[in-house]
């Protein structure tokens, strides 16, 4: 279908901004930090608290969203999108509020280290550490350590997928599921048809992805590591039930859908939903874009359905 008119309006409004790959890292971060739009849905939650986790690599910021009502609540550990370079707890505050209110989960948003200051695998190490900490401290957070999910959008979807792989292979908390929102799952080279078809004109560009990857990896050889490119894993069995969300006009569409197919082939209960007319980043826009509101609500409904299933069906680490 054509680009959704509400999405096209947002694309038009942002057309005057410089292309991301032409900016310095500092200016790119400032551009993302300034992004906002009147009318965004920001539902009420019970409490929002910033926490600080001390790791061997230093201080790791967390933001904990607690739903309205009485706990213990399920626990969702969330990794924000960023291209591994930009964005923050603040840029994804609205998304986390929607996930918290829509799923009745305690949402722990992770302020993992960004590249190029901290290159691969720093972000993955932080996300794994934060997941372990959140589960170990679930009771203090008002959460149930037996009902745990991970989630992320874009580069955060990459980090969620990688965290699930690492927990399966290295040991860690039991995961009931993973919510992967237009995830980065593979390196840009050689790329997919959607990386070419949607290379320009829809927000995220192929040139932007090259810029992100060049900042994130220590060298191109890192791209072969499944902890950087989870689609390159050789074994997808034993991973948690998954929902993979993609967008029609997204350079990352095909790699997300390929990841969902690899999960299915390995016997992992997996749902894949492509939102036609949408572009990369559309989960930012509930309340402004009707189909974004519907997509957020549908993802939250999937989480709640998953939580209603017997816990014994969750994937386990070794």
Protein backbone atom coordinates (compact mmCIF):
# COMPACT_ATOMS: atom_id res chain seq x y z
CA UNK A 1 0.00 0.00 0.00
CA UNK A 2 1.15 3.64 -0.33
CA UNK A 3 2.89 5.29 2.58
CA UNK A 4 0.29 6.03 5.24
CA UNK A 5 -0.74 9.72 4.94
CA UNK A 6 -0.07 10.39 8.61
CA UNK A 7 3.42 8.89 8.27
CA UNK A 8 4.01 10.87 5.08
CA UNK A 9 3.13 14.05 6.95
CA UNK A 10 5.81 13.28 9.53
CA UNK A 11 8.34 12.49 6.78
CA UNK A 12 7.53 15.82 5.12
CA UNK A 13 7.92 17.74 8.37
CA UNK A 14 11.37 16.25 8.90
CA UNK A 15 12.54 16.69 5.31
CA UNK A 16 14.33 19.94 6.12
CA UNK A 17 16.56 18.28 8.74
CA UNK A 18 20.05 17.22 7.67
CA UNK A 19 20.63 13.57 6.86
CA UNK A 20 21.91 11.68 9.87
CA UNK A 21 25.04 10.37 8.18
CA UNK A 22 26.14 13.92 7.41
CA UNK A 23 26.21 14.91 11.09
CA UNK A 24 28.70 14.54 13.89
CA UNK A 25 27.74 12.07 16.60
CA UNK A 26 27.02 14.94 19.01
CA UNK A 27 24.76 16.72 16.51
CA UNK A 28 22.95 13.48 15.62
CA UNK A 29 22.23 12.85 19.29
CA UNK A 30 20.97 16.40 19.75
CA UNK A 31 18.68 16.04 16.72
CA UNK A 32 17.13 12.87 18.12
CA UNK A 33 16.82 14.36 21.61
CA UNK A 34 14.81 17.29 20.22
CA UNK A 35 12.26 15.05 18.52
CA UNK A 36 8.73 15.43 19.84
CA UNK A 37 5.26 16.01 18.48
CA UNK A 38 2.01 17.33 20.01
CA UNK A 39 -0.59 14.68 20.66
CA UNK A 40 1.64 11.72 21.45
CA UNK A 41 -0.08 9.20 23.70
CA UNK A 42 1.72 9.05 27.04
CA UNK A 43 -0.47 6.97 29.34
CA UNK A 44 -0.32 7.25 33.10
CA UNK A 45 1.78 4.74 35.02
CA UNK A 46 2.10 4.21 38.73
CA UNK A 47 5.69 5.34 39.21
CA UNK A 48 8.87 6.14 37.28
CA UNK A 49 12.22 5.88 39.07
CA UNK A 50 15.76 6.23 37.78
CA UNK A 51 18.26 3.71 39.12
CA UNK A 52 22.00 3.26 38.84
CA UNK A 53 23.62 -0.13 38.36
CA UNK A 54 27.32 -0.47 39.07
CA UNK A 55 29.01 -2.90 36.68
CA UNK A 56 32.67 -3.75 36.10
CA UNK A 57 32.54 -1.34 33.16
CA UNK A 58 31.14 1.52 35.26
CA UNK A 59 27.76 3.05 36.03
CA UNK A 60 24.76 1.85 34.00
CA UNK A 61 21.59 3.93 34.10
CA UNK A 62 18.17 2.30 34.32
CA UNK A 63 14.65 3.74 34.35
CA UNK A 64 11.97 1.65 36.03
CA UNK A 65 8.31 2.10 35.05
CA UNK A 66 5.78 0.55 37.44
CA UNK A 67 2.16 0.09 36.33
CA UNK A 68 -0.89 1.31 38.17
CA UNK A 69 -2.37 -1.25 40.52
CA UNK A 70 -1.00 -3.84 42.87
CA UNK A 71 1.98 -6.09 42.10
CA UNK A 72 3.87 -8.21 41.76
CA UNK A 73 3.78 -7.48 38.05
CA UNK A 74 5.47 -9.25 35.13
CA UNK A 75 8.89 -7.85 34.25
CA UNK A 76 9.94 -6.49 30.86
CA UNK A 77 13.54 -5.44 30.26
CA UNK A 78 13.60 -2.94 27.39
CA UNK A 79 16.49 -1.85 25.16
CA UNK A 80 15.93 1.37 23.26
CA UNK A 81 16.70 1.85 19.60
CA UNK A 82 19.64 4.02 18.73
CA UNK A 83 21.61 2.60 15.85
CA UNK A 84 23.92 1.80 18.78
CA UNK A 85 24.95 5.49 18.63
CA UNK A 86 22.06 7.86 19.43
CA UNK A 87 18.92 7.96 21.64
CA UNK A 88 18.53 7.54 25.36
CA UNK A 89 16.13 6.77 28.18
CA UNK A 90 14.44 10.11 27.46
CA UNK A 91 13.88 9.58 23.73
CA UNK A 92 12.05 6.33 24.49
CA UNK A 93 10.12 7.48 27.54
CA UNK A 94 6.81 7.53 25.67
CA UNK A 95 7.36 4.08 24.19
CA UNK A 96 8.14 2.66 27.62
CA UNK A 97 5.07 4.30 29.17
CA UNK A 98 2.89 2.72 26.48
CA UNK A 99 4.46 -0.71 27.03
CA UNK A 100 4.13 -0.42 30.81
CA UNK A 101 0.50 0.68 30.75
CA UNK A 102 -0.46 -1.62 27.88
CA UNK A 103 1.06 -4.81 29.29
CA UNK A 104 0.87 -4.17 33.06
CA UNK A 105 4.58 -5.03 33.23
CA UNK A 106 7.27 -3.36 35.25
CA UNK A 107 9.45 -2.01 32.43
CA UNK A 108 13.17 -1.60 33.09
CA UNK A 109 14.64 0.60 30.36
CA UNK A 110 18.41 0.23 29.96
CA UNK A 111 20.74 3.13 29.22
CA UNK A 112 23.45 0.94 27.70
CA UNK A 113 26.76 2.38 26.54
CA UNK A 114 26.72 3.95 23.08
CA UNK A 115 29.20 3.82 20.25
CA UNK A 116 31.62 5.10 19.14
CA UNK A 117 32.78 5.76 22.72
CA UNK A 118 31.98 2.14 23.59
CA UNK A 119 32.10 -0.19 20.61
CA UNK A 120 30.80 -3.75 20.20
CA UNK A 121 30.28 -5.75 22.39
CA UNK A 122 29.84 -3.11 25.14
CA UNK A 123 26.12 -2.53 24.55
CA UNK A 124 25.37 -6.26 24.54
CA UNK A 125 27.36 -6.76 27.75
CA UNK A 126 25.37 -3.98 29.43
CA UNK A 127 22.03 -5.41 28.30
CA UNK A 128 22.92 -8.87 29.58
CA UNK A 129 24.06 -7.44 32.92
CA UNK A 130 20.94 -5.30 33.26
CA UNK A 131 18.67 -8.25 32.55
CA UNK A 132 20.36 -10.32 35.21
CA UNK A 133 20.17 -7.47 37.71
CA UNK A 134 16.49 -6.79 37.00
CA UNK A 135 15.54 -10.42 37.56
CA UNK A 136 17.70 -10.74 40.69
CA UNK A 137 16.06 -7.60 42.12
CA UNK A 138 12.56 -8.24 40.78
CA UNK A 139 10.92 -8.45 44.22
CA UNK A 140 12.30 -5.04 45.19
CA UNK A 141 10.95 -3.67 41.90
CA UNK A 142 7.47 -5.04 42.55
CA UNK A 143 7.94 -7.63 39.82
CA UNK A 144 7.71 -11.40 39.49
CA UNK A 145 11.08 -13.01 38.63
CA UNK A 146 9.21 -15.96 37.11
CA UNK A 147 7.50 -13.83 34.44
CA UNK A 148 10.22 -12.07 32.46
CA UNK A 149 10.33 -10.79 28.89
CA UNK A 150 12.81 -8.75 26.91
CA UNK A 151 11.98 -6.19 24.26
CA UNK A 152 13.57 -3.59 22.05
CA UNK A 153 13.15 -1.51 18.92
CA UNK A 154 15.62 -1.23 16.03
CA UNK A 155 19.14 -1.55 17.49
CA UNK A 156 17.40 -2.35 20.76
CA UNK A 157 15.66 -5.20 18.96
CA UNK A 158 19.11 -6.42 17.96
CA UNK A 159 20.22 -6.25 21.59
CA UNK A 160 17.11 -8.10 22.77
CA UNK A 161 17.71 -10.89 20.23
CA UNK A 162 21.39 -11.07 21.20
CA UNK A 163 20.53 -11.10 24.91
CA UNK A 164 18.21 -14.06 24.34
CA UNK A 165 20.97 -15.89 22.45
CA UNK A 166 23.50 -15.20 25.18
CA UNK A 167 21.17 -16.28 27.98
CA UNK A 168 20.46 -19.52 26.14
CA UNK A 169 24.15 -20.21 25.54
CA UNK A 170 25.76 -18.75 28.65
CA UNK A 171 23.05 -19.22 31.24
CA UNK A 172 20.75 -16.67 32.79
CA UNK A 173 17.17 -15.97 33.77
CA UNK A 174 14.24 -17.77 32.24
CA UNK A 175 12.56 -15.75 29.51
CA UNK A 176 8.90 -16.00 28.65
CA UNK A 177 9.28 -14.13 25.38
CA UNK A 178 10.98 -11.51 23.25
CA UNK A 179 9.32 -8.58 21.50
CA UNK A 180 11.47 -7.46 18.56
CA UNK A 181 10.27 -4.21 16.98
CA UNK A 182 11.75 -3.68 13.48
CA UNK A 183 15.01 -5.19 14.73
CA UNK A 184 18.49 -4.86 13.27
CA UNK A 185 19.50 -8.49 12.73
CA UNK A 186 22.26 -8.36 10.11
CA UNK A 187 25.05 -6.21 8.70
CA UNK A 188 24.24 -3.91 5.78
CA UNK A 189 26.58 -5.77 3.40
CA UNK A 190 25.51 -7.55 1.23
CA UNK A 191 22.11 -6.32 2.36
CA UNK A 192 18.56 -7.32 1.43
CA UNK A 193 16.06 -6.16 -1.19
CA UNK A 194 14.35 -3.89 1.34
CA UNK A 195 17.70 -2.24 2.11
CA UNK A 196 17.79 -1.22 -1.58
CA UNK A 197 14.08 -0.56 -2.13
CA UNK A 198 13.79 1.66 0.95
CA UNK A 199 17.30 3.12 0.85
CA UNK A 200 16.08 6.72 0.80
CA UNK A 201 12.96 8.77 1.38
CA UNK A 202 11.37 7.03 4.36
CA UNK A 203 13.35 8.28 7.37
CA UNK A 204 15.99 5.67 8.11
CA UNK A 205 18.29 5.30 5.09
CA UNK A 206 20.86 2.78 3.94
CA UNK A 207 23.52 5.48 4.31
CA UNK A 208 22.35 5.98 7.87
CA UNK A 209 22.69 2.27 8.60
CA UNK A 210 26.23 2.27 7.21
CA UNK A 211 27.02 5.25 9.48
CA UNK A 212 25.63 3.39 12.50
CA UNK A 213 27.47 0.14 11.79
CA UNK A 214 30.76 1.93 11.14
CA UNK A 215 30.53 3.57 14.54
CA UNK A 216 29.44 0.39 16.37
CA UNK A 217 31.83 -2.29 15.15
CA UNK A 218 35.53 -2.40 15.93
CA UNK A 219 36.10 -3.67 12.39
CA UNK A 220 33.88 -5.14 9.65
CA UNK A 221 34.95 -8.62 10.74
CA UNK A 222 32.79 -8.19 13.87
CA UNK A 223 29.73 -8.41 11.62
CA UNK A 224 30.19 -12.19 11.39
CA UNK A 225 29.70 -12.52 15.14
CA UNK A 226 26.09 -13.46 15.98
CA UNK A 227 26.31 -11.19 19.03
CA UNK A 228 26.51 -8.33 16.50
CA UNK A 229 24.41 -9.85 13.70
CA UNK A 230 22.03 -12.34 15.33
CA UNK A 231 20.76 -13.53 11.95
CA UNK A 232 24.19 -15.14 11.49
CA UNK A 233 23.69 -17.49 14.44
CA UNK A 234 23.85 -21.16 13.48
CA UNK A 235 21.28 -22.37 15.99
CA UNK A 236 17.94 -20.70 16.75
CA UNK A 237 16.45 -23.47 18.84
CA UNK A 238 15.62 -22.98 22.51
CA UNK A 239 14.91 -19.26 22.17
CA UNK A 240 11.83 -17.73 23.79
CA UNK A 241 8.50 -17.27 22.00
CA UNK A 242 8.76 -14.19 19.81
CA UNK A 243 6.84 -11.42 18.14
CA UNK A 244 8.75 -9.72 15.32
CA UNK A 245 7.23 -6.47 14.06
CA UNK A 246 8.30 -4.99 10.72
CA UNK A 247 7.33 -2.01 8.57
CA UNK A 248 6.74 -2.01 4.82
CA UNK A 249 8.87 1.09 4.10
CA UNK A 250 11.86 0.16 6.24
CA UNK A 251 15.35 -0.79 5.04
CA UNK A 252 15.37 -3.34 7.89
CA UNK A 253 12.10 -5.02 6.88
CA UNK A 254 13.57 -8.11 5.22
CA UNK A 255 16.21 -8.89 7.84
CA UNK A 256 13.57 -8.76 10.56
CA UNK A 257 11.32 -11.09 8.59
CA UNK A 258 14.23 -13.42 7.84
CA UNK A 259 14.92 -13.59 11.57
CA UNK A 260 11.30 -14.51 12.29
CA UNK A 261 11.50 -17.26 9.68
CA UNK A 262 14.69 -18.68 11.15
CA UNK A 263 13.00 -18.79 14.57
CA UNK A 264 10.01 -20.60 13.10
CA UNK A 265 12.23 -23.10 11.29
CA UNK A 266 13.89 -23.88 14.62
CA UNK A 267 10.53 -24.61 16.25
CA UNK A 268 10.33 -21.38 18.27
CA UNK A 269 6.71 -20.15 18.62
CA UNK A 270 6.92 -16.98 16.56
CA UNK A 271 4.50 -14.41 15.24
CA UNK A 272 5.57 -11.96 12.55
CA UNK A 273 3.56 -8.86 11.70
CA UNK A 274 4.39 -6.49 8.86
CA UNK A 275 2.63 -3.14 9.14
CA UNK A 276 1.96 -1.94 5.61
CA UNK A 277 2.24 1.78 4.96
CA UNK A 278 4.53 2.26 7.97
CA UNK A 279 8.19 3.25 8.12
CA UNK A 280 11.05 2.59 10.52
CA UNK A 281 10.39 4.19 13.89
CA UNK A 282 6.60 4.21 13.70
CA UNK A 283 6.26 2.85 17.25
CA UNK A 284 7.17 6.35 18.44
CA UNK A 285 3.85 7.73 17.22
CA UNK A 286 0.83 6.29 19.15
CA UNK A 287 -1.72 9.06 19.44
CA UNK A 288 -0.44 10.78 16.30
CA UNK A 289 -0.50 7.95 13.74
CA UNK A 290 -3.56 5.73 13.94
CA UNK A 291 -1.80 2.59 12.71
CA UNK A 292 1.04 3.18 15.16
CA UNK A 293 -1.51 3.26 17.97
CA UNK A 294 -2.99 0.01 16.69
CA UNK A 295 0.45 -1.60 16.36
CA UNK A 296 1.45 -0.68 19.91
CA UNK A 297 -1.86 -2.00 21.25
CA UNK A 298 -1.49 -5.23 19.27
CA UNK A 299 2.05 -5.80 20.56
CA UNK A 300 0.87 -5.21 24.13
CA UNK A 301 -1.98 -7.66 23.59
CA UNK A 302 0.52 -10.29 22.39
CA UNK A 303 2.54 -9.80 25.59
CA UNK A 304 -0.55 -10.17 27.76
CA UNK A 305 -1.61 -13.33 25.91
CA UNK A 306 1.87 -14.76 26.35
CA UNK A 307 1.77 -14.01 30.07
CA UNK A 308 -1.55 -15.82 30.37
CA UNK A 309 0.02 -19.06 29.09
CA UNK A 310 1.46 -21.67 31.48
CA UNK A 311 4.93 -20.55 32.55
CA UNK A 312 6.33 -23.98 31.77
CA UNK A 313 6.15 -23.15 28.06
CA UNK A 314 8.84 -20.49 28.41
CA UNK A 315 12.25 -21.05 26.95
CA UNK A 316 15.02 -21.83 29.41
CA UNK A 317 18.71 -21.10 29.47
CA UNK A 318 21.09 -24.03 29.87
